[in-house]
């Protein structure tokens, strides 16, 4: 660690004897005081440095979040598109989510990917303001974007059945079944009651299961239905 010369000179200036003729005993006392103060300053600096190093190890940096959004570009954009059902709004929520992660409060590095998803969900909620009593018409204009990002045979139809849900139903379905948020967490983020979340989740699941395009197996449908009860 480099010596901070200006700080040392400042400390020394406070310990100069007021009278040069006070004798060697006074000089030795001042020397001891100077040494103690310097040691305290150095220990404080060292603790501060170690604290910053420890924080860098534990918490995700802005570069960590940029890397996550870059490496999982398709997955995070797909999440945004499923929530917003509009390619322009999806892009806006994706970028807003990244900005919120970079400028937000420190997050443990191991939670960074989950936090990135949460930031996108919160951005989409701010954008669409879904309410349980306000239905909105489905828009088929972005189904092609979903199809491009999806992989695996038949996955387009699963997305299609989710995209046909009303805004409030779609948000709850994506958050609850696809992202595994609890009813309580959904209620907190959406600012609904837990009962509203539970009712909407049940209706959304009924619609997805009843969709003629769904590719869920009978076993998967039974499991999802039991979970919604």
C-alpha atoms as a PDB file:
ATOM      1  CA  UNK A   1       0.000   0.000   0.000  1.00  0.00           C
ATOM      2  CA  UNK A   2       1.454   3.388  -1.058  1.00  0.00           C
ATOM      3  CA  UNK A   3       2.285   5.864   1.610  1.00  0.00           C
ATOM      4  CA  UNK A   4      -0.013   8.862   1.684  1.00  0.00           C
ATOM      5  CA  UNK A   5       2.546  11.613   2.141  1.00  0.00           C
ATOM      6  CA  UNK A   6       0.084  14.497   2.436  1.00  0.00           C
ATOM      7  CA  UNK A   7      -1.864  12.657   5.141  1.00  0.00           C
ATOM      8  CA  UNK A   8       1.345  11.959   7.075  1.00  0.00           C
ATOM      9  CA  UNK A   9       2.399  15.609   6.809  1.00  0.00           C
ATOM     10  CA  UNK A  10      -1.037  16.673   8.094  1.00  0.00           C
ATOM     11  CA  UNK A  11      -0.723  14.390  11.086  1.00  0.00           C
ATOM     12  CA  UNK A  12       2.784  15.589  11.768  1.00  0.00           C
ATOM     13  CA  UNK A  13       1.702  19.229  11.648  1.00  0.00           C
ATOM     14  CA  UNK A  14      -0.650  18.640  14.578  1.00  0.00           C
ATOM     15  CA  UNK A  15       2.097  17.084  16.675  1.00  0.00           C
ATOM     16  CA  UNK A  16       4.833  19.717  16.368  1.00  0.00           C
ATOM     17  CA  UNK A  17       5.900  20.995  19.813  1.00  0.00           C
ATOM     18  CA  UNK A  18       4.601  24.467  20.632  1.00  0.00           C
ATOM     19  CA  UNK A  19       7.945  25.415  22.181  1.00  0.00           C
ATOM     20  CA  UNK A  20      11.236  24.012  20.849  1.00  0.00           C
ATOM     21  CA  UNK A  21      12.801  24.379  24.283  1.00  0.00           C
ATOM     22  CA  UNK A  22      10.336  22.140  26.083  1.00  0.00           C
ATOM     23  CA  UNK A  23      12.921  19.341  26.300  1.00  0.00           C
ATOM     24  CA  UNK A  24      13.417  15.788  25.134  1.00  0.00           C
ATOM     25  CA  UNK A  25      10.647  14.323  27.312  1.00  0.00           C
ATOM     26  CA  UNK A  26       7.977  16.411  25.573  1.00  0.00           C
ATOM     27  CA  UNK A  27       9.461  15.411  22.213  1.00  0.00           C
ATOM     28  CA  UNK A  28       9.254  11.708  23.069  1.00  0.00           C
ATOM     29  CA  UNK A  29       5.584  12.101  24.122  1.00  0.00           C
ATOM     30  CA  UNK A  30       4.765  13.818  20.822  1.00  0.00           C
ATOM     31  CA  UNK A  31       6.572  11.096  18.891  1.00  0.00           C
ATOM     32  CA  UNK A  32       4.523   8.419  20.650  1.00  0.00           C
ATOM     33  CA  UNK A  33       1.311  10.332  19.891  1.00  0.00           C
ATOM     34  CA  UNK A  34       2.332  10.731  16.261  1.00  0.00           C
ATOM     35  CA  UNK A  35       3.103   7.025  15.886  1.00  0.00           C
ATOM     36  CA  UNK A  36      -0.222   6.038  17.476  1.00  0.00           C
ATOM     37  CA  UNK A  37      -2.190   8.378  15.234  1.00  0.00           C
ATOM     38  CA  UNK A  38      -0.372   7.172  12.136  1.00  0.00           C
ATOM     39  CA  UNK A  39      -1.047   3.564  13.056  1.00  0.00           C
ATOM     40  CA  UNK A  40      -4.727   4.322  13.593  1.00  0.00           C
ATOM     41  CA  UNK A  41      -4.947   6.063  10.218  1.00  0.00           C
ATOM     42  CA  UNK A  42      -3.185   3.218   8.452  1.00  0.00           C
ATOM     43  CA  UNK A  43      -5.414   0.599  10.070  1.00  0.00           C
ATOM     44  CA  UNK A  44      -8.494   2.581   9.086  1.00  0.00           C
ATOM     45  CA  UNK A  45      -7.285   2.842   5.485  1.00  0.00           C
ATOM     46  CA  UNK A  46      -6.510  -0.862   5.369  1.00  0.00           C
ATOM     47  CA  UNK A  47      -9.936  -1.787   6.742  1.00  0.00           C
ATOM     48  CA  UNK A  48     -11.577   0.439   4.134  1.00  0.00           C
ATOM     49  CA  UNK A  49      -9.603  -1.207   1.320  1.00  0.00           C
ATOM     50  CA  UNK A  50     -10.430  -4.703   2.569  1.00  0.00           C
ATOM     51  CA  UNK A  51     -14.079  -3.718   2.876  1.00  0.00           C
ATOM     52  CA  UNK A  52     -14.205  -2.601  -0.757  1.00  0.00           C
ATOM     53  CA  UNK A  53     -12.450  -5.789  -1.865  1.00  0.00           C
ATOM     54  CA  UNK A  54     -14.907  -7.929   0.079  1.00  0.00           C
ATOM     55  CA  UNK A  55     -17.834  -6.013  -1.393  1.00  0.00           C
ATOM     56  CA  UNK A  56     -16.470  -6.589  -4.902  1.00  0.00           C
ATOM     57  CA  UNK A  57     -16.343 -10.335  -4.214  1.00  0.00           C
ATOM     58  CA  UNK A  58     -19.848 -10.600  -2.722  1.00  0.00           C
ATOM     59  CA  UNK A  59     -21.877  -8.195  -4.859  1.00  0.00           C
ATOM     60  CA  UNK A  60     -22.640  -8.117  -8.570  1.00  0.00           C
ATOM     61  CA  UNK A  61     -21.033  -5.241 -10.436  1.00  0.00           C
ATOM     62  CA  UNK A  62     -22.467  -3.290 -13.350  1.00  0.00           C
ATOM     63  CA  UNK A  63     -20.230  -5.350 -15.629  1.00  0.00           C
ATOM     64  CA  UNK A  64     -21.695  -8.556 -14.167  1.00  0.00           C
ATOM     65  CA  UNK A  65     -25.194  -7.397 -15.090  1.00  0.00           C
ATOM     66  CA  UNK A  66     -24.140  -6.342 -18.589  1.00  0.00           C
ATOM     67  CA  UNK A  67     -22.607  -9.780 -19.079  1.00  0.00           C
ATOM     68  CA  UNK A  68     -25.803 -11.503 -17.852  1.00  0.00           C
ATOM     69  CA  UNK A  69     -28.014  -9.472 -20.185  1.00  0.00           C
ATOM     70  CA  UNK A  70     -25.644 -10.188 -23.057  1.00  0.00           C
ATOM     71  CA  UNK A  71     -25.230 -13.920 -22.447  1.00  0.00           C
ATOM     72  CA  UNK A  72     -28.945 -14.547 -21.790  1.00  0.00           C
ATOM     73  CA  UNK A  73     -30.198 -12.062 -24.358  1.00  0.00           C
ATOM     74  CA  UNK A  74     -32.756 -14.450 -25.873  1.00  0.00           C
ATOM     75  CA  UNK A  75     -34.120 -15.692 -22.561  1.00  0.00           C
ATOM     76  CA  UNK A  76     -34.487 -12.275 -20.964  1.00  0.00           C
ATOM     77  CA  UNK A  77     -35.969 -10.716 -24.079  1.00  0.00           C
ATOM     78  CA  UNK A  78     -38.389 -13.638 -24.366  1.00  0.00           C
ATOM     79  CA  UNK A  79     -39.516 -12.973 -20.796  1.00  0.00           C
ATOM     80  CA  UNK A  80     -40.083  -9.306 -21.620  1.00  0.00           C
ATOM     81  CA  UNK A  81     -41.976 -10.194 -24.784  1.00  0.00           C
ATOM     82  CA  UNK A  82     -44.211 -12.712 -23.024  1.00  0.00           C
ATOM     83  CA  UNK A  83     -45.136 -10.067 -20.453  1.00  0.00           C
ATOM     84  CA  UNK A  84     -45.686  -7.131 -22.799  1.00  0.00           C
ATOM     85  CA  UNK A  85     -46.921  -8.963 -25.935  1.00  0.00           C
ATOM     86  CA  UNK A  86     -45.400  -6.157 -27.983  1.00  0.00           C
ATOM     87  CA  UNK A  87     -41.908  -6.072 -29.491  1.00  0.00           C
ATOM     88  CA  UNK A  88     -41.374  -2.331 -28.956  1.00  0.00           C
ATOM     89  CA  UNK A  89     -42.497  -2.439 -25.335  1.00  0.00           C
ATOM     90  CA  UNK A  90     -40.478  -5.616 -24.805  1.00  0.00           C
ATOM     91  CA  UNK A  91     -37.304  -3.921 -25.982  1.00  0.00           C
ATOM     92  CA  UNK A  92     -38.010  -0.902 -23.788  1.00  0.00           C
ATOM     93  CA  UNK A  93     -38.570  -3.085 -20.706  1.00  0.00           C
ATOM     94  CA  UNK A  94     -35.430  -5.092 -21.466  1.00  0.00           C
ATOM     95  CA  UNK A  95     -33.262  -1.965 -21.616  1.00  0.00           C
ATOM     96  CA  UNK A  96     -35.005  -0.440 -18.594  1.00  0.00           C
ATOM     97  CA  UNK A  97     -34.383  -3.643 -16.637  1.00  0.00           C
ATOM     98  CA  UNK A  98     -30.670  -3.481 -17.407  1.00  0.00           C
ATOM     99  CA  UNK A  99     -30.505   0.188 -16.389  1.00  0.00           C
ATOM    100  CA  UNK A 100     -32.273  -0.578 -13.106  1.00  0.00           C
ATOM    101  CA  UNK A 101     -29.827  -3.384 -12.331  1.00  0.00           C
ATOM    102  CA  UNK A 102     -26.767  -1.253 -13.073  1.00  0.00           C
ATOM    103  CA  UNK A 103     -27.983   1.792 -11.132  1.00  0.00           C
ATOM    104  CA  UNK A 104     -29.811  -0.017  -8.338  1.00  0.00           C
ATOM    105  CA  UNK A 105     -28.851  -1.204  -4.883  1.00  0.00           C
ATOM    106  CA  UNK A 106     -26.089  -3.815  -4.474  1.00  0.00           C
ATOM    107  CA  UNK A 107     -27.192  -7.414  -5.048  1.00  0.00           C
ATOM    108  CA  UNK A 108     -25.372 -10.609  -4.125  1.00  0.00           C
ATOM    109  CA  UNK A 109     -23.598 -11.993  -7.185  1.00  0.00           C
ATOM    110  CA  UNK A 110     -25.284 -15.384  -6.882  1.00  0.00           C
ATOM    111  CA  UNK A 111     -28.686 -13.664  -7.116  1.00  0.00           C
ATOM    112  CA  UNK A 112     -27.788 -11.483 -10.092  1.00  0.00           C
ATOM    113  CA  UNK A 113     -29.549 -13.507 -12.797  1.00  0.00           C
ATOM    114  CA  UNK A 114     -32.769 -13.785 -10.788  1.00  0.00           C
ATOM    115  CA  UNK A 115     -32.531 -10.072 -10.052  1.00  0.00           C
ATOM    116  CA  UNK A 116     -32.217  -9.322 -13.784  1.00  0.00           C
ATOM    117  CA  UNK A 117     -35.484 -11.185 -14.414  1.00  0.00           C
ATOM    118  CA  UNK A 118     -37.144  -9.387 -11.541  1.00  0.00           C
ATOM    119  CA  UNK A 119     -36.041  -6.012 -12.930  1.00  0.00           C
ATOM    120  CA  UNK A 120     -37.597  -6.830 -16.312  1.00  0.00           C
ATOM    121  CA  UNK A 121     -40.833  -7.956 -14.642  1.00  0.00           C
ATOM    122  CA  UNK A 122     -40.994  -4.743 -12.610  1.00  0.00           C
ATOM    123  CA  UNK A 123     -40.339  -2.676 -15.724  1.00  0.00           C
ATOM    124  CA  UNK A 124     -43.129  -4.482 -17.589  1.00  0.00           C
ATOM    125  CA  UNK A 125     -45.506  -3.908 -14.662  1.00  0.00           C
ATOM    126  CA  UNK A 126     -44.737  -0.181 -14.750  1.00  0.00           C
ATOM    127  CA  UNK A 127     -45.270  -0.172 -18.505  1.00  0.00           C
ATOM    128  CA  UNK A 128     -48.602  -2.033 -18.684  1.00  0.00           C
ATOM    129  CA  UNK A 129     -49.997  -1.556 -15.153  1.00  0.00           C
ATOM    130  CA  UNK A 130     -52.009  -4.804 -15.224  1.00  0.00           C
ATOM    131  CA  UNK A 131     -55.108  -4.870 -13.038  1.00  0.00           C
ATOM    132  CA  UNK A 132     -57.285  -7.918 -12.365  1.00  0.00           C
ATOM    133  CA  UNK A 133     -60.502  -6.170 -13.430  1.00  0.00           C
ATOM    134  CA  UNK A 134     -59.274  -4.623 -16.660  1.00  0.00           C
ATOM    135  CA  UNK A 135     -59.147  -6.979 -19.664  1.00  0.00           C
ATOM    136  CA  UNK A 136     -57.377  -6.006 -22.859  1.00  0.00           C
ATOM    137  CA  UNK A 137     -57.616  -7.421 -26.389  1.00  0.00           C
ATOM    138  CA  UNK A 138     -54.939  -9.802 -27.596  1.00  0.00           C
ATOM    139  CA  UNK A 139     -52.554  -8.610 -30.278  1.00  0.00           C
ATOM    140  CA  UNK A 140     -51.147 -11.239 -32.674  1.00  0.00           C
ATOM    141  CA  UNK A 141     -48.537  -8.910 -34.180  1.00  0.00           C
ATOM    142  CA  UNK A 142     -45.619 -10.209 -32.152  1.00  0.00           C
ATOM    143  CA  UNK A 143     -46.147 -13.949 -32.470  1.00  0.00           C
ATOM    144  CA  UNK A 144     -43.476 -14.103 -35.135  1.00  0.00           C
ATOM    145  CA  UNK A 145     -40.887 -12.622 -32.757  1.00  0.00           C
ATOM    146  CA  UNK A 146     -41.703 -15.277 -30.198  1.00  0.00           C
ATOM    147  CA  UNK A 147     -41.354 -17.978 -32.829  1.00  0.00           C
ATOM    148  CA  UNK A 148     -37.902 -16.718 -33.781  1.00  0.00           C
ATOM    149  CA  UNK A 149     -36.669 -16.801 -30.215  1.00  0.00           C
ATOM    150  CA  UNK A 150     -38.195 -20.163 -29.343  1.00  0.00           C
ATOM    151  CA  UNK A 151     -36.416 -23.444 -29.825  1.00  0.00           C
ATOM    152  CA  UNK A 152     -37.835 -26.918 -29.982  1.00  0.00           C
ATOM    153  CA  UNK A 153     -40.790 -28.297 -31.879  1.00  0.00           C
ATOM    154  CA  UNK A 154     -44.180 -27.078 -30.729  1.00  0.00           C
ATOM    155  CA  UNK A 155     -42.845 -24.375 -28.409  1.00  0.00           C
ATOM    156  CA  UNK A 156     -44.459 -21.664 -30.538  1.00  0.00           C
ATOM    157  CA  UNK A 157     -47.890 -23.023 -29.663  1.00  0.00           C
ATOM    158  CA  UNK A 158     -47.152 -22.883 -25.953  1.00  0.00           C
ATOM    159  CA  UNK A 159     -46.180 -19.236 -26.280  1.00  0.00           C
ATOM    160  CA  UNK A 160     -49.212 -18.599 -28.446  1.00  0.00           C
ATOM    161  CA  UNK A 161     -51.566 -19.899 -25.754  1.00  0.00           C
ATOM    162  CA  UNK A 162     -49.907 -17.661 -23.149  1.00  0.00           C
ATOM    163  CA  UNK A 163     -49.948 -14.606 -25.402  1.00  0.00           C
ATOM    164  CA  UNK A 164     -53.694 -14.981 -25.918  1.00  0.00           C
ATOM    165  CA  UNK A 165     -54.303 -14.378 -22.238  1.00  0.00           C
ATOM    166  CA  UNK A 166     -55.453 -10.994 -20.986  1.00  0.00           C
ATOM    167  CA  UNK A 167     -52.703  -8.768 -19.601  1.00  0.00           C
ATOM    168  CA  UNK A 168     -53.472  -9.471 -15.957  1.00  0.00           C
ATOM    169  CA  UNK A 169     -53.816 -13.216 -16.576  1.00  0.00           C
ATOM    170  CA  UNK A 170     -50.615 -13.344 -18.594  1.00  0.00           C
ATOM    171  CA  UNK A 171     -48.559 -11.554 -15.954  1.00  0.00           C
ATOM    172  CA  UNK A 172     -49.718 -13.908 -13.227  1.00  0.00           C
ATOM    173  CA  UNK A 173     -49.212 -16.987 -15.400  1.00  0.00           C
ATOM    174  CA  UNK A 174     -45.671 -16.000 -16.418  1.00  0.00           C
ATOM    175  CA  UNK A 175     -44.637 -14.938 -12.922  1.00  0.00           C
ATOM    176  CA  UNK A 176     -46.241 -17.853 -11.121  1.00  0.00           C
ATOM    177  CA  UNK A 177     -45.843 -20.851 -13.438  1.00  0.00           C
ATOM    178  CA  UNK A 178     -42.889 -19.914 -15.639  1.00  0.00           C
ATOM    179  CA  UNK A 179     -40.777 -17.973 -13.130  1.00  0.00           C
ATOM    180  CA  UNK A 180     -42.040 -19.805 -10.007  1.00  0.00           C
ATOM    181  CA  UNK A 181     -42.905 -16.722  -7.965  1.00  0.00           C
ATOM    182  CA  UNK A 182     -45.057 -17.373  -4.926  1.00  0.00           C
ATOM    183  CA  UNK A 183     -48.552 -15.914  -4.629  1.00  0.00           C
ATOM    184  CA  UNK A 184     -47.236 -13.526  -1.999  1.00  0.00           C
ATOM    185  CA  UNK A 185     -44.378 -12.308  -4.220  1.00  0.00           C
ATOM    186  CA  UNK A 186     -46.742 -11.857  -7.160  1.00  0.00           C
ATOM    187  CA  UNK A 187     -49.101  -9.850  -4.990  1.00  0.00           C
ATOM    188  CA  UNK A 188     -46.290  -7.607  -3.752  1.00  0.00           C
ATOM    189  CA  UNK A 189     -44.950  -6.861  -7.223  1.00  0.00           C
ATOM    190  CA  UNK A 190     -48.364  -6.380  -8.815  1.00  0.00           C
ATOM    191  CA  UNK A 191     -49.782  -4.592  -5.755  1.00  0.00           C
ATOM    192  CA  UNK A 192     -52.773  -6.875  -5.731  1.00  0.00           C
ATOM    193  CA  UNK A 193     -54.264  -8.935  -2.964  1.00  0.00           C
ATOM    194  CA  UNK A 194     -53.158 -12.553  -2.644  1.00  0.00           C
ATOM    195  CA  UNK A 195     -56.742 -13.588  -3.320  1.00  0.00           C
ATOM    196  CA  UNK A 196     -56.752 -11.666  -6.617  1.00  0.00           C
ATOM    197  CA  UNK A 197     -53.530 -13.401  -7.635  1.00  0.00           C
ATOM    198  CA  UNK A 198     -54.937 -16.817  -6.770  1.00  0.00           C
ATOM    199  CA  UNK A 199     -58.203 -16.237  -8.658  1.00  0.00           C
ATOM    200  CA  UNK A 200     -56.487 -14.866 -11.759  1.00  0.00           C
ATOM    201  CA  UNK A 201     -53.917 -17.667 -11.754  1.00  0.00           C
ATOM    202  CA  UNK A 202     -56.674 -20.283 -11.725  1.00  0.00           C
ATOM    203  CA  UNK A 203     -58.492 -18.632 -14.646  1.00  0.00           C
ATOM    204  CA  UNK A 204     -55.273 -18.246 -16.623  1.00  0.00           C
ATOM    205  CA  UNK A 205     -54.382 -21.883 -16.156  1.00  0.00           C
ATOM    206  CA  UNK A 206     -57.867 -22.985 -17.233  1.00  0.00           C
ATOM    207  CA  UNK A 207     -57.468 -20.998 -20.452  1.00  0.00           C
ATOM    208  CA  UNK A 208     -54.001 -22.342 -21.216  1.00  0.00           C
ATOM    209  CA  UNK A 209     -55.042 -25.927 -20.530  1.00  0.00           C
ATOM    210  CA  UNK A 210     -58.205 -25.460 -22.578  1.00  0.00           C
ATOM    211  CA  UNK A 211     -56.324 -24.015 -25.531  1.00  0.00           C
ATOM    212  CA  UNK A 212     -56.367 -26.303 -28.525  1.00  0.00           C
ATOM    213  CA  UNK A 213     -52.782 -25.310 -29.290  1.00  0.00           C
ATOM    214  CA  UNK A 214     -51.278 -26.279 -25.958  1.00  0.00           C
ATOM    215  CA  UNK A 215     -48.567 -28.957 -26.032  1.00  0.00           C
ATOM    216  CA  UNK A 216     -48.701 -29.726 -22.318  1.00  0.00           C
ATOM    217  CA  UNK A 217     -48.887 -33.404 -21.569  1.00  0.00           C
ATOM    218  CA  UNK A 218     -51.747 -34.741 -19.468  1.00  0.00           C
ATOM    219  CA  UNK A 219     -49.340 -35.296 -16.586  1.00  0.00           C
ATOM    220  CA  UNK A 220     -48.027 -31.714 -16.823  1.00  0.00           C
ATOM    221  CA  UNK A 221     -51.562 -30.320 -16.949  1.00  0.00           C
ATOM    222  CA  UNK A 222     -52.593 -32.288 -13.864  1.00  0.00           C
ATOM    223  CA  UNK A 223     -49.503 -31.142 -11.994  1.00  0.00           C
ATOM    224  CA  UNK A 224     -50.118 -27.499 -12.935  1.00  0.00           C
ATOM    225  CA  UNK A 225     -53.770 -27.748 -11.957  1.00  0.00           C
ATOM    226  CA  UNK A 226     -52.922 -29.217  -8.556  1.00  0.00           C
ATOM    227  CA  UNK A 227     -50.422 -26.435  -7.980  1.00  0.00           C
ATOM    228  CA  UNK A 228     -53.018 -23.779  -8.765  1.00  0.00           C
ATOM    229  CA  UNK A 229     -55.523 -25.092  -6.224  1.00  0.00           C
END
